[in-house]
């Protein structure tokens, strides 16, 4: 059994700028300390079918992650699904909404699902993600505003 976490934050940048920053998953290490390395395939602007491959560190353990972009509707919506075979996988996205010409509301969410032994771990992962969600939103805000 899995579950979802989300965060909503207002970023002091126009929606097109926020979308461009978030669409380039290579920016993830700027707001997600668990992401150690990330690359985009193909090395071209993000679109449906783009794959981001990363090495992340969770609970002291490194794992390889592969996410495919499944929906890309600039400048309002990005969706992804994890292709890797980890114990806990995610699918999620960003929803962006202009609040004004210079402010954007960002909603990030992920649905976590456990596989095999991961069914025993997904509750812990989800609890940690939910606890960190407000701070995660603030890290996104800070990273985008600093770019």
C-alpha atoms as a PDB file:
ATOM      1  CA  UNK A   1       0.000   0.000   0.000  1.00  0.00           C
ATOM      2  CA  UNK A   2       1.372   3.384  -0.962  1.00  0.00           C
ATOM      3  CA  UNK A   3       0.435   6.963  -0.390  1.00  0.00           C
ATOM      4  CA  UNK A   4       1.003  10.518  -1.435  1.00  0.00           C
ATOM      5  CA  UNK A   5       2.730  13.594  -0.090  1.00  0.00           C
ATOM      6  CA  UNK A   6       2.630  17.116  -1.447  1.00  0.00           C
ATOM      7  CA  UNK A   7       3.826  20.644  -0.847  1.00  0.00           C
ATOM      8  CA  UNK A   8       2.522  23.966  -2.096  1.00  0.00           C
ATOM      9  CA  UNK A   9       4.659  27.085  -2.176  1.00  0.00           C
ATOM     10  CA  UNK A  10       4.551  30.527  -3.769  1.00  0.00           C
ATOM     11  CA  UNK A  11       7.684  31.452  -5.688  1.00  0.00           C
ATOM     12  CA  UNK A  12       8.602  35.057  -6.438  1.00  0.00           C
ATOM     13  CA  UNK A  13       9.183  34.482 -10.150  1.00  0.00           C
ATOM     14  CA  UNK A  14       6.954  34.473 -13.265  1.00  0.00           C
ATOM     15  CA  UNK A  15       5.379  31.120 -14.116  1.00  0.00           C
ATOM     16  CA  UNK A  16       7.464  30.642 -17.303  1.00  0.00           C
ATOM     17  CA  UNK A  17      10.718  31.041 -15.347  1.00  0.00           C
ATOM     18  CA  UNK A  18       9.617  28.651 -12.605  1.00  0.00           C
ATOM     19  CA  UNK A  19       8.480  26.093 -15.178  1.00  0.00           C
ATOM     20  CA  UNK A  20      11.784  26.288 -17.076  1.00  0.00           C
ATOM     21  CA  UNK A  21      13.762  25.764 -13.858  1.00  0.00           C
ATOM     22  CA  UNK A  22      11.690  22.787 -12.716  1.00  0.00           C
ATOM     23  CA  UNK A  23      11.478  21.243 -16.195  1.00  0.00           C
ATOM     24  CA  UNK A  24      15.239  20.839 -16.186  1.00  0.00           C
ATOM     25  CA  UNK A  25      15.550  18.018 -13.673  1.00  0.00           C
ATOM     26  CA  UNK A  26      19.292  18.649 -13.579  1.00  0.00           C
ATOM     27  CA  UNK A  27      18.366  21.451 -11.160  1.00  0.00           C
ATOM     28  CA  UNK A  28      17.029  18.924  -8.616  1.00  0.00           C
ATOM     29  CA  UNK A  29      20.266  18.833  -6.550  1.00  0.00           C
ATOM     30  CA  UNK A  30      19.786  22.565  -5.903  1.00  0.00           C
ATOM     31  CA  UNK A  31      16.738  21.801  -3.725  1.00  0.00           C
ATOM     32  CA  UNK A  32      16.872  18.071  -3.015  1.00  0.00           C
ATOM     33  CA  UNK A  33      19.914  17.108  -0.931  1.00  0.00           C
ATOM     34  CA  UNK A  34      19.197  13.420  -1.514  1.00  0.00           C
ATOM     35  CA  UNK A  35      20.021  13.779  -5.245  1.00  0.00           C
ATOM     36  CA  UNK A  36      23.773  13.236  -5.640  1.00  0.00           C
ATOM     37  CA  UNK A  37      24.008  13.060  -9.453  1.00  0.00           C
ATOM     38  CA  UNK A  38      21.521  13.470 -12.296  1.00  0.00           C
ATOM     39  CA  UNK A  39      21.592  13.438 -16.079  1.00  0.00           C
ATOM     40  CA  UNK A  40      19.035  13.939 -18.843  1.00  0.00           C
ATOM     41  CA  UNK A  41      18.545  11.664 -21.852  1.00  0.00           C
ATOM     42  CA  UNK A  42      18.468  12.793 -24.538  1.00  0.00           C
ATOM     43  CA  UNK A  43      20.601  15.831 -23.766  1.00  0.00           C
ATOM     44  CA  UNK A  44      17.989  18.124 -25.274  1.00  0.00           C
ATOM     45  CA  UNK A  45      15.177  20.264 -23.868  1.00  0.00           C
ATOM     46  CA  UNK A  46      12.807  18.295 -21.649  1.00  0.00           C
ATOM     47  CA  UNK A  47       9.729  16.840 -23.351  1.00  0.00           C
ATOM     48  CA  UNK A  48       7.436  13.844 -23.018  1.00  0.00           C
ATOM     49  CA  UNK A  49       9.714  10.801 -23.077  1.00  0.00           C
ATOM     50  CA  UNK A  50      12.757  12.536 -21.586  1.00  0.00           C
ATOM     51  CA  UNK A  51      14.450  10.370 -18.955  1.00  0.00           C
ATOM     52  CA  UNK A  52      16.271  11.678 -15.900  1.00  0.00           C
ATOM     53  CA  UNK A  53      18.672   9.180 -14.351  1.00  0.00           C
ATOM     54  CA  UNK A  54      19.984   9.923 -10.886  1.00  0.00           C
ATOM     55  CA  UNK A  55      21.861   8.584  -7.917  1.00  0.00           C
ATOM     56  CA  UNK A  56      20.137   9.417  -4.646  1.00  0.00           C
ATOM     57  CA  UNK A  57      20.955   8.778  -1.024  1.00  0.00           C
ATOM     58  CA  UNK A  58      18.102   7.821   1.288  1.00  0.00           C
ATOM     59  CA  UNK A  59      18.526   6.580   4.852  1.00  0.00           C
ATOM     60  CA  UNK A  60      22.269   6.270   4.278  1.00  0.00           C
ATOM     61  CA  UNK A  61      21.894   4.063   1.192  1.00  0.00           C
ATOM     62  CA  UNK A  62      22.567   5.038  -2.421  1.00  0.00           C
ATOM     63  CA  UNK A  63      20.191   3.946  -5.161  1.00  0.00           C
ATOM     64  CA  UNK A  64      19.804   4.551  -8.864  1.00  0.00           C
ATOM     65  CA  UNK A  65      16.584   6.186 -10.046  1.00  0.00           C
ATOM     66  CA  UNK A  66      15.174   6.611 -13.525  1.00  0.00           C
ATOM     67  CA  UNK A  67      12.186   8.874 -14.165  1.00  0.00           C
ATOM     68  CA  UNK A  68      10.404   9.329 -17.503  1.00  0.00           C
ATOM     69  CA  UNK A  69       8.475  12.505 -18.280  1.00  0.00           C
ATOM     70  CA  UNK A  70       4.921  11.416 -19.116  1.00  0.00           C
ATOM     71  CA  UNK A  71       3.218  14.795 -19.465  1.00  0.00           C
ATOM     72  CA  UNK A  72       4.678  18.188 -20.311  1.00  0.00           C
ATOM     73  CA  UNK A  73       2.287  21.114 -20.679  1.00  0.00           C
ATOM     74  CA  UNK A  74       4.278  24.360 -20.506  1.00  0.00           C
ATOM     75  CA  UNK A  75       4.092  26.383 -18.366  1.00  0.00           C
ATOM     76  CA  UNK A  76       1.578  24.643 -16.102  1.00  0.00           C
ATOM     77  CA  UNK A  77       2.058  20.911 -15.720  1.00  0.00           C
ATOM     78  CA  UNK A  78       4.812  18.276 -15.567  1.00  0.00           C
ATOM     79  CA  UNK A  79       4.271  14.598 -14.732  1.00  0.00           C
ATOM     80  CA  UNK A  80       6.765  11.774 -14.291  1.00  0.00           C
ATOM     81  CA  UNK A  81       6.833   8.100 -13.484  1.00  0.00           C
ATOM     82  CA  UNK A  82       9.694   6.088 -12.083  1.00  0.00           C
ATOM     83  CA  UNK A  83      11.016   3.384 -14.387  1.00  0.00           C
ATOM     84  CA  UNK A  84      13.625   1.943 -12.019  1.00  0.00           C
ATOM     85  CA  UNK A  85      13.015  -1.223 -10.023  1.00  0.00           C
ATOM     86  CA  UNK A  86      13.585  -0.002  -6.465  1.00  0.00           C
ATOM     87  CA  UNK A  87      11.846  -1.170  -3.291  1.00  0.00           C
ATOM     88  CA  UNK A  88       9.938   2.120  -3.150  1.00  0.00           C
ATOM     89  CA  UNK A  89       9.128   3.994  -6.359  1.00  0.00           C
ATOM     90  CA  UNK A  90       7.436   7.299  -7.085  1.00  0.00           C
ATOM     91  CA  UNK A  91       5.304   8.975  -9.648  1.00  0.00           C
ATOM     92  CA  UNK A  92       4.294  12.569  -9.386  1.00  0.00           C
ATOM     93  CA  UNK A  93       4.520  16.012 -10.803  1.00  0.00           C
ATOM     94  CA  UNK A  94       4.375  19.755 -10.598  1.00  0.00           C
ATOM     95  CA  UNK A  95       1.342  21.980 -11.072  1.00  0.00           C
ATOM     96  CA  UNK A  96       2.130  25.653 -11.620  1.00  0.00           C
ATOM     97  CA  UNK A  97      -0.332  28.520 -11.453  1.00  0.00           C
ATOM     98  CA  UNK A  98       0.421  32.218 -11.866  1.00  0.00           C
ATOM     99  CA  UNK A  99      -0.694  34.210  -8.830  1.00  0.00           C
ATOM    100  CA  UNK A 100       0.481  37.450 -10.435  1.00  0.00           C
ATOM    101  CA  UNK A 101       2.924  38.431 -13.170  1.00  0.00           C
ATOM    102  CA  UNK A 102       5.796  37.908 -10.731  1.00  0.00           C
ATOM    103  CA  UNK A 103       4.540  35.139  -8.423  1.00  0.00           C
ATOM    104  CA  UNK A 104       3.817  31.470  -9.132  1.00  0.00           C
ATOM    105  CA  UNK A 105       2.073  28.898  -6.957  1.00  0.00           C
ATOM    106  CA  UNK A 106       3.830  25.530  -7.244  1.00  0.00           C
ATOM    107  CA  UNK A 107       2.351  22.244  -6.113  1.00  0.00           C
ATOM    108  CA  UNK A 108       4.681  19.253  -6.070  1.00  0.00           C
ATOM    109  CA  UNK A 109       3.404  15.804  -5.258  1.00  0.00           C
ATOM    110  CA  UNK A 110       4.645  12.242  -5.337  1.00  0.00           C
ATOM    111  CA  UNK A 111       2.794   8.997  -4.873  1.00  0.00           C
ATOM    112  CA  UNK A 112       5.082   6.396  -3.298  1.00  0.00           C
ATOM    113  CA  UNK A 113       4.534   2.688  -3.865  1.00  0.00           C
ATOM    114  CA  UNK A 114       6.311  -0.244  -2.210  1.00  0.00           C
ATOM    115  CA  UNK A 115       7.394  -3.371  -4.081  1.00  0.00           C
ATOM    116  CA  UNK A 116       8.403  -6.658  -2.446  1.00  0.00           C
ATOM    117  CA  UNK A 117      10.103  -5.784   0.852  1.00  0.00           C
ATOM    118  CA  UNK A 118       9.413  -2.155  -0.024  1.00  0.00           C
ATOM    119  CA  UNK A 119       5.791  -2.741   1.007  1.00  0.00           C
ATOM    120  CA  UNK A 120       7.131  -2.858   4.568  1.00  0.00           C
ATOM    121  CA  UNK A 121       9.232   0.298   4.077  1.00  0.00           C
ATOM    122  CA  UNK A 122       6.864   2.550   2.136  1.00  0.00           C
ATOM    123  CA  UNK A 123       5.090   3.734   5.298  1.00  0.00           C
ATOM    124  CA  UNK A 124       8.369   4.963   6.778  1.00  0.00           C
ATOM    125  CA  UNK A 125       9.383   6.619   3.501  1.00  0.00           C
ATOM    126  CA  UNK A 126       5.993   8.285   3.208  1.00  0.00           C
ATOM    127  CA  UNK A 127       6.073   9.507   6.797  1.00  0.00           C
ATOM    128  CA  UNK A 128       9.522  11.052   6.297  1.00  0.00           C
ATOM    129  CA  UNK A 129       8.459  12.649   2.984  1.00  0.00           C
ATOM    130  CA  UNK A 130       5.303  14.116   4.511  1.00  0.00           C
ATOM    131  CA  UNK A 131       7.273  15.509   7.444  1.00  0.00           C
ATOM    132  CA  UNK A 132       9.795  17.126   5.085  1.00  0.00           C
ATOM    133  CA  UNK A 133       7.213  18.357   2.542  1.00  0.00           C
ATOM    134  CA  UNK A 134       6.909  21.960   3.846  1.00  0.00           C
ATOM    135  CA  UNK A 135      10.715  22.325   3.987  1.00  0.00           C
ATOM    136  CA  UNK A 136      10.987  20.726   0.546  1.00  0.00           C
ATOM    137  CA  UNK A 137       8.622  23.356  -0.823  1.00  0.00           C
ATOM    138  CA  UNK A 138      10.708  26.093   0.768  1.00  0.00           C
ATOM    139  CA  UNK A 139      13.901  24.636  -0.743  1.00  0.00           C
ATOM    140  CA  UNK A 140      12.260  24.726  -4.191  1.00  0.00           C
ATOM    141  CA  UNK A 141      11.246  28.352  -3.613  1.00  0.00           C
ATOM    142  CA  UNK A 142      14.754  29.336  -2.502  1.00  0.00           C
ATOM    143  CA  UNK A 143      16.453  27.540  -5.394  1.00  0.00           C
ATOM    144  CA  UNK A 144      14.202  29.040  -8.071  1.00  0.00           C
ATOM    145  CA  UNK A 145      14.418  32.536  -6.614  1.00  0.00           C
ATOM    146  CA  UNK A 146      18.223  32.277  -6.437  1.00  0.00           C
ATOM    147  CA  UNK A 147      18.524  31.172 -10.079  1.00  0.00           C
END
